[in-house]
Amino acid sequence: MHNLHPGSSAHDQLDVLVIGEALVDIVNTREGSISYPGGSPANVAYGLGRLGVPTGLLTAIGDDEHGTSIAAHLHSAGVRLLPGSQSLERTATATATLATDGSASYEFDIRWDLAPVAPALIPKVLHTGSIATFLAPGAATVRSLLEQGHNSCLVTYDPNIRPALLGSHAEALQIFEDLIPLTDVIKLSDEDAHWLYPTLSPDDVAFRLLKQGARLAVITRGGEGALLAIPGTRLSVPSAKTNVADTIGAGDSYMAALIFELLARGENAFAASALEMIGQTAALAAAITVSRPGANPPTSAELQTRLDEHQQAPLAAV
């Protein structure tokens, strides 16, 4: 049975526990195929590890070639793969086939089911998101862990909507909104927000999330920056200017830096005066990621250098 309880040794203590899928992304082109570790929760864990945050990932992968590559990738950033995570017969894959016009067709081979293990820790932050919170049977386990942890630690959530893997819109919206009272911080991309709430503006979506129990709502808008909202205060934080190589992993890098800031600030993170710096730090992390190919988030040294160099831009209150 899954449960969270106090760690039994210093080795067990982690600042962040990420729960969610890890998979291998395979891209087929006329020139051949390339594969690399992926999955939004795994990317967030990797991004946190690169920022020097003690992080563990509870996931479900296979003891196969793909699973081994994921484990090595996470280990390279100092992320602990929690016991029981290599529990499946084979590791999930997401295959994208690119046509000559640049369009892509996708094929998913994903099973999401967590082994009955007990993470022996209560982290400072519990993060989850993406397929892990929607896809049965594992989604029920994720919800159970959130129910256990939300009164003992900060809970962050990025639904990272993947319509091809969801049921009906009504069903997905119900699952999402049922989790909101168990979370403190929710991040949506503008595409996520539009899919979930096609008739609402980003402002209205943020208000809805706060009304349903979130303490901080963040809606990222790509090159247009991000909206950060707490009860009574909303702030638009511009994106950081950069030359874009590709946008792979940008949202997950933003999420990792957001958690990094939440850890550093504690309860002060939910003060109106903190929103600007939180948004700027996350925007700079995303900018570093998109400036180079692939899901390659910044190290703590790289992010600190950009923060030191950053000239504060005027912010537009909304």
Protein backbone atom coordinates (compact mmCIF):
# COMPACT_ATOMS: atom_id res chain seq x y z
CA MET A 1 0.00 0.00 0.00
CA HIS A 2 1.28 3.45 -0.86
CA ASN A 3 1.76 5.94 1.93
CA LEU A 4 3.94 8.82 2.97
CA HIS A 5 5.58 8.81 6.37
CA PRO A 6 8.58 10.43 8.08
CA GLY A 7 11.94 9.33 6.76
CA SER A 8 13.91 6.88 8.87
CA SER A 9 17.35 8.29 8.09
CA ALA A 10 19.08 11.37 6.73
CA HIS A 11 19.49 9.49 3.44
CA ASP A 12 15.73 9.42 3.05
CA GLN A 13 15.29 13.16 3.32
CA LEU A 14 14.49 14.87 0.06
CA ASP A 15 13.37 18.43 -0.53
CA VAL A 16 11.14 17.40 -3.43
CA LEU A 17 9.34 14.18 -4.26
CA VAL A 18 8.05 14.04 -7.84
CA ILE A 19 5.40 11.44 -8.65
CA GLY A 20 4.63 10.74 -12.28
CA GLU A 21 5.53 9.13 -15.55
CA ALA A 22 8.91 8.72 -17.13
CA LEU A 23 9.12 7.54 -20.71
CA VAL A 24 11.29 7.55 -23.80
CA ASP A 25 10.48 9.96 -26.59
CA ILE A 26 11.29 8.54 -30.02
CA VAL A 27 11.38 10.84 -33.05
CA ASN A 28 11.32 9.23 -36.48
CA THR A 29 12.45 11.27 -39.48
CA ARG A 30 13.52 10.41 -43.01
CA GLU A 31 17.10 10.63 -41.76
CA GLY A 32 16.54 8.11 -38.98
CA SER A 33 15.35 7.88 -35.39
CA ILE A 34 16.52 9.51 -32.19
CA SER A 35 15.34 8.72 -28.67
CA TYR A 36 15.75 10.53 -25.38
CA PRO A 37 14.31 10.33 -21.86
CA GLY A 38 11.13 12.30 -21.32
CA GLY A 39 7.84 12.55 -19.52
CA SER A 40 6.85 15.82 -17.87
CA PRO A 41 7.26 14.72 -14.22
CA ALA A 42 10.62 13.09 -14.98
CA ASN A 43 11.72 16.28 -16.77
CA VAL A 44 10.74 18.37 -13.74
CA ALA A 45 12.69 16.06 -11.44
CA TYR A 46 15.71 16.29 -13.74
CA GLY A 47 15.42 20.08 -13.85
CA LEU A 48 15.33 20.25 -10.06
CA GLY A 49 18.35 17.99 -9.82
CA ARG A 50 20.27 20.26 -12.21
CA LEU A 51 19.40 23.17 -9.90
CA GLY A 52 20.96 21.33 -6.96
CA VAL A 53 17.68 20.45 -5.22
CA PRO A 54 17.65 17.06 -3.41
CA THR A 55 14.96 15.34 -5.49
CA GLY A 56 13.45 11.89 -5.81
CA LEU A 57 11.17 10.46 -8.49
CA LEU A 58 8.53 7.81 -7.88
CA THR A 59 7.56 6.45 -11.27
CA ALA A 60 6.85 3.26 -13.19
CA ILE A 61 9.37 2.12 -15.81
CA GLY A 62 10.66 -1.23 -16.97
CA ASP A 63 13.91 -2.98 -16.18
CA ASP A 64 14.82 -2.75 -19.85
CA GLU A 65 17.08 -0.71 -22.13
CA HIS A 66 14.77 2.31 -22.10
CA GLY A 67 14.34 2.09 -18.33
CA THR A 68 18.07 1.88 -17.83
CA SER A 69 18.62 4.98 -19.99
CA ILE A 70 16.03 6.92 -17.96
CA ALA A 71 17.62 5.85 -14.67
CA ALA A 72 21.07 6.90 -15.89
CA HIS A 73 19.71 10.24 -17.15
CA LEU A 74 18.13 11.02 -13.78
CA HIS A 75 21.20 9.85 -11.86
CA SER A 76 23.38 12.21 -13.92
CA ALA A 77 21.47 15.12 -12.34
CA GLY A 78 21.57 13.64 -8.85
CA VAL A 79 17.91 12.57 -8.87
CA ARG A 80 17.05 9.50 -6.80
CA LEU A 81 14.85 6.94 -8.51
CA LEU A 82 12.77 5.68 -5.62
CA PRO A 83 12.61 1.92 -4.86
CA GLY A 84 9.84 0.17 -6.74
CA SER A 85 9.97 2.53 -9.71
CA GLN A 86 11.29 -0.13 -12.11
CA SER A 87 8.11 -2.17 -11.80
CA LEU A 88 6.75 -2.57 -15.34
CA GLU A 89 7.46 -5.18 -18.00
CA ARG A 90 8.50 -2.46 -20.42
CA THR A 91 9.12 1.26 -20.32
CA ALA A 92 6.57 3.58 -21.89
CA THR A 93 7.34 5.27 -25.19
CA ALA A 94 5.94 8.16 -27.17
CA THR A 95 6.83 7.98 -30.85
CA ALA A 96 6.59 11.00 -33.13
CA THR A 97 6.94 10.53 -36.88
CA LEU A 98 7.80 13.71 -38.77
CA ALA A 99 6.55 14.26 -42.29
CA THR A 100 8.41 16.27 -44.92
CA ASP A 101 6.24 19.32 -44.19
CA GLY A 102 7.25 19.22 -40.52
CA SER A 103 3.94 17.88 -39.25
CA ALA A 104 4.02 15.01 -36.79
CA SER A 105 1.89 11.98 -36.04
CA TYR A 106 2.12 10.36 -32.61
CA GLU A 107 1.87 6.84 -31.27
CA PHE A 108 1.87 6.14 -27.54
CA ASP A 109 2.74 2.91 -25.76
CA ILE A 110 2.04 3.85 -22.17
CA ARG A 111 0.95 1.94 -19.11
CA TRP A 112 0.72 3.87 -15.83
CA ASP A 113 0.58 1.78 -12.67
CA LEU A 114 2.59 2.37 -9.51
CA ALA A 115 3.98 -0.58 -7.55
CA PRO A 116 2.71 -0.97 -3.95
CA VAL A 117 5.68 0.64 -2.24
CA ALA A 118 5.78 3.23 0.53
CA PRO A 119 7.98 6.31 -0.03
CA ALA A 120 9.63 6.60 3.37
CA LEU A 121 9.59 10.37 3.58
CA ILE A 122 7.54 13.50 3.82
CA PRO A 123 9.21 15.97 1.47
CA LYS A 124 9.05 19.74 1.63
CA VAL A 125 7.36 19.76 -1.78
CA LEU A 126 5.33 17.03 -3.47
CA HIS A 127 4.98 17.56 -7.23
CA THR A 128 2.88 15.67 -9.73
CA GLY A 129 1.26 16.18 -13.08
CA SER A 130 0.63 15.15 -16.64
CA ILE A 131 -0.51 11.65 -17.65
CA ALA A 132 0.08 10.37 -14.11
CA THR A 133 -2.94 12.24 -12.74
CA PHE A 134 -5.37 11.15 -15.48
CA LEU A 135 -4.50 7.64 -16.65
CA ALA A 136 -5.87 4.62 -14.76
CA PRO A 137 -4.96 2.67 -12.77
CA GLY A 138 -2.04 4.76 -11.53
CA ALA A 139 -4.00 8.01 -11.29
CA ALA A 140 -5.95 6.68 -8.29
CA THR A 141 -2.69 5.98 -6.48
CA VAL A 142 -1.39 9.47 -7.23
CA ARG A 143 -4.56 10.95 -5.80
CA SER A 144 -4.18 8.83 -2.67
CA LEU A 145 -0.64 10.10 -2.16
CA LEU A 146 -1.81 13.69 -2.60
CA GLU A 147 -4.54 13.13 -0.02
CA GLN A 148 -1.94 11.88 2.43
CA GLY A 149 0.62 14.58 1.73
CA HIS A 150 -1.26 17.82 1.19
CA ASN A 151 -1.58 18.65 4.90
CA SER A 152 2.11 17.92 5.57
CA CYS A 153 3.93 19.49 2.62
CA LEU A 154 3.52 21.92 -0.25
CA VAL A 155 1.85 20.32 -3.28
CA THR A 156 2.49 21.55 -6.82
CA TYR A 157 0.64 20.39 -9.92
CA ASP A 158 1.13 20.79 -13.67
CA PRO A 159 -1.57 18.88 -15.63
CA ASN A 160 0.39 19.22 -18.89
CA ILE A 161 -2.67 18.23 -20.89
CA ARG A 162 -2.22 15.53 -23.54
CA PRO A 163 -5.64 15.29 -25.25
CA ALA A 164 -4.75 12.14 -27.20
CA LEU A 165 -4.35 10.23 -23.94
CA LEU A 166 -7.41 11.56 -22.13
CA GLY A 167 -11.03 10.53 -22.16
CA SER A 168 -13.79 13.02 -22.76
CA HIS A 169 -13.29 16.69 -21.96
CA ALA A 170 -15.89 16.47 -19.19
CA GLU A 171 -14.15 13.50 -17.57
CA ALA A 172 -10.70 15.09 -17.75
CA LEU A 173 -11.98 18.39 -16.35
CA GLN A 174 -13.63 16.57 -13.46
CA ILE A 175 -10.42 14.71 -12.61
CA PHE A 176 -8.42 17.94 -12.78
CA GLU A 177 -10.80 19.97 -10.63
CA ASP A 178 -11.13 17.17 -8.07
CA LEU A 179 -7.38 17.48 -7.46
CA ILE A 180 -7.30 21.26 -7.02
CA PRO A 181 -8.29 21.23 -3.31
CA LEU A 182 -5.33 18.90 -2.66
CA THR A 183 -2.81 21.30 -4.21
CA ASP A 184 -1.19 24.61 -3.32
CA VAL A 185 0.34 25.69 -6.63
CA ILE A 186 -1.00 24.96 -10.11
CA LYS A 187 0.79 25.79 -13.35
CA LEU A 188 -0.98 25.68 -16.70
CA SER A 189 0.26 26.59 -20.14
CA ASP A 190 -2.11 28.82 -22.09
CA GLU A 191 -2.83 25.77 -24.28
CA ASP A 192 -3.74 23.70 -21.19
CA ALA A 193 -5.96 26.50 -19.92
CA HIS A 194 -7.74 26.86 -23.26
CA TRP A 195 -8.33 23.11 -23.56
CA LEU A 196 -9.72 22.85 -20.03
CA TYR A 197 -11.68 26.12 -20.14
CA PRO A 198 -12.22 27.08 -23.79
CA THR A 199 -14.59 29.95 -22.97
CA LEU A 200 -12.50 31.59 -20.23
CA SER A 201 -9.68 34.12 -20.43
CA PRO A 202 -6.39 33.38 -18.63
CA ASP A 203 -7.44 35.85 -15.91
CA ASP A 204 -10.71 34.02 -15.43
CA VAL A 205 -8.98 30.64 -15.36
CA ALA A 206 -6.59 31.85 -12.66
CA PHE A 207 -9.51 33.19 -10.63
CA ARG A 208 -11.31 29.85 -10.94
CA LEU A 209 -8.24 27.91 -9.74
CA LEU A 210 -7.81 30.19 -6.73
CA LYS A 211 -11.51 30.01 -5.90
CA GLN A 212 -11.31 26.20 -5.87
CA GLY A 213 -8.44 26.11 -3.40
CA ALA A 214 -5.10 26.84 -5.07
CA ARG A 215 -2.90 29.36 -3.26
CA LEU A 216 -0.91 30.31 -6.38
CA ALA A 217 -2.03 29.96 -9.99
CA VAL A 218 0.46 30.35 -12.84
CA ILE A 219 -0.47 30.45 -16.51
CA THR A 220 2.45 30.54 -18.91
CA ARG A 221 1.98 32.21 -22.29
CA GLY A 222 5.17 31.41 -24.17
CA GLY A 223 6.85 34.51 -25.53
CA GLU A 224 4.14 36.68 -23.98
CA GLY A 225 5.30 35.85 -20.46
CA ALA A 226 3.24 34.43 -17.62
CA LEU A 227 0.40 35.36 -15.34
CA LEU A 228 0.97 34.74 -11.62
CA ALA A 229 -2.00 35.10 -9.31
CA ILE A 230 -2.69 34.82 -5.60
CA PRO A 231 -5.91 35.91 -3.90
CA GLY A 232 -6.12 39.66 -4.35
CA THR A 233 -3.05 40.06 -6.59
CA ARG A 234 -2.30 39.26 -10.22
CA LEU A 235 0.94 40.05 -12.01
CA SER A 236 2.05 39.66 -15.61
CA VAL A 237 5.75 38.78 -15.78
CA PRO A 238 7.38 39.10 -19.22
CA SER A 239 9.36 36.29 -20.79
CA ALA A 240 13.13 36.59 -20.96
CA LYS A 241 14.44 37.46 -24.39
CA THR A 242 16.58 34.79 -26.02
CA ASN A 243 17.36 33.12 -29.34
CA VAL A 244 15.15 30.03 -29.57
CA ALA A 245 16.64 26.73 -30.72
CA ASP A 246 13.48 24.78 -29.86
CA THR A 247 10.87 24.80 -27.11
CA ILE A 248 11.30 21.21 -25.92
CA GLY A 249 11.19 21.05 -22.14
CA ALA A 250 10.52 24.75 -21.62
CA GLY A 251 7.41 24.25 -19.52
CA ASP A 252 9.04 21.61 -17.35
CA SER A 253 12.10 23.81 -16.83
CA TYR A 254 9.79 26.66 -15.82
CA MET A 255 8.05 24.35 -13.35
CA ALA A 256 11.35 23.17 -11.84
CA ALA A 257 12.53 26.76 -11.33
CA LEU A 258 9.15 27.66 -9.84
CA ILE A 259 9.54 24.90 -7.26
CA PHE A 260 13.13 26.03 -6.68
CA GLU A 261 11.82 29.49 -5.76
CA LEU A 262 9.05 28.08 -3.57
CA LEU A 263 11.63 26.12 -1.58
CA ALA A 264 13.89 29.12 -1.19
CA ARG A 265 11.11 31.43 0.00
CA GLY A 266 8.87 29.18 2.08
CA GLU A 267 5.65 30.87 3.14
CA ASN A 268 6.98 34.19 1.82
CA ALA A 269 6.49 32.79 -1.68
CA PHE A 270 2.78 33.48 -1.34
CA ALA A 271 3.24 37.19 -0.63
CA ALA A 272 2.43 39.66 -3.39
CA SER A 273 5.94 41.10 -3.14
CA ALA A 274 7.48 37.73 -4.13
CA LEU A 275 5.57 37.13 -7.36
CA GLU A 276 7.80 39.27 -9.56
CA MET A 277 11.05 37.51 -8.64
CA ILE A 278 9.47 34.06 -8.73
CA GLY A 279 8.19 34.74 -12.24
CA GLN A 280 11.48 36.20 -13.41
CA THR A 281 13.51 33.25 -12.14
CA ALA A 282 11.22 30.73 -13.82
CA ALA A 283 11.20 32.75 -17.05
CA LEU A 284 15.00 32.87 -17.13
CA ALA A 285 15.23 29.11 -16.58
CA ALA A 286 12.86 28.52 -19.48
CA ALA A 287 14.82 30.95 -21.66
CA ILE A 288 18.05 29.06 -21.03
CA THR A 289 16.33 25.81 -21.96
CA VAL A 290 14.86 27.05 -25.25
CA SER A 291 18.17 28.62 -26.25
CA ARG A 292 19.66 25.16 -26.84
CA PRO A 293 18.33 21.98 -28.45
CA GLY A 294 16.33 19.43 -26.49
CA ALA A 295 15.14 19.29 -22.89
CA ASN A 296 18.38 20.68 -21.45
CA PRO A 297 17.49 22.75 -18.35
CA PRO A 298 19.97 25.04 -16.60
CA THR A 299 22.30 24.17 -13.78
CA SER A 300 22.15 26.26 -10.64
CA ALA A 301 25.32 28.09 -11.73
CA GLU A 302 23.87 28.91 -15.16
CA LEU A 303 20.63 30.18 -13.66
CA GLN A 304 22.46 32.28 -11.08
CA THR A 305 24.60 33.85 -13.79
CA ARG A 306 21.51 34.83 -15.77
CA LEU A 307 19.85 36.19 -12.62
CA ASP A 308 22.94 38.28 -11.89
CA GLU A 309 22.97 39.62 -15.45
CA HIS A 310 19.27 40.23 -15.68
CA GLN A 311 18.15 43.79 -15.94
CA GLN A 312 14.69 44.07 -14.46
CA ALA A 313 12.09 44.92 -17.10
CA PRO A 314 8.96 46.99 -16.39
CA LEU A 315 6.07 44.80 -15.37
CA ALA A 316 2.47 45.29 -16.39
CA ALA A 317 -0.02 44.83 -13.59
CA VAL A 318 -3.16 43.00 -14.67
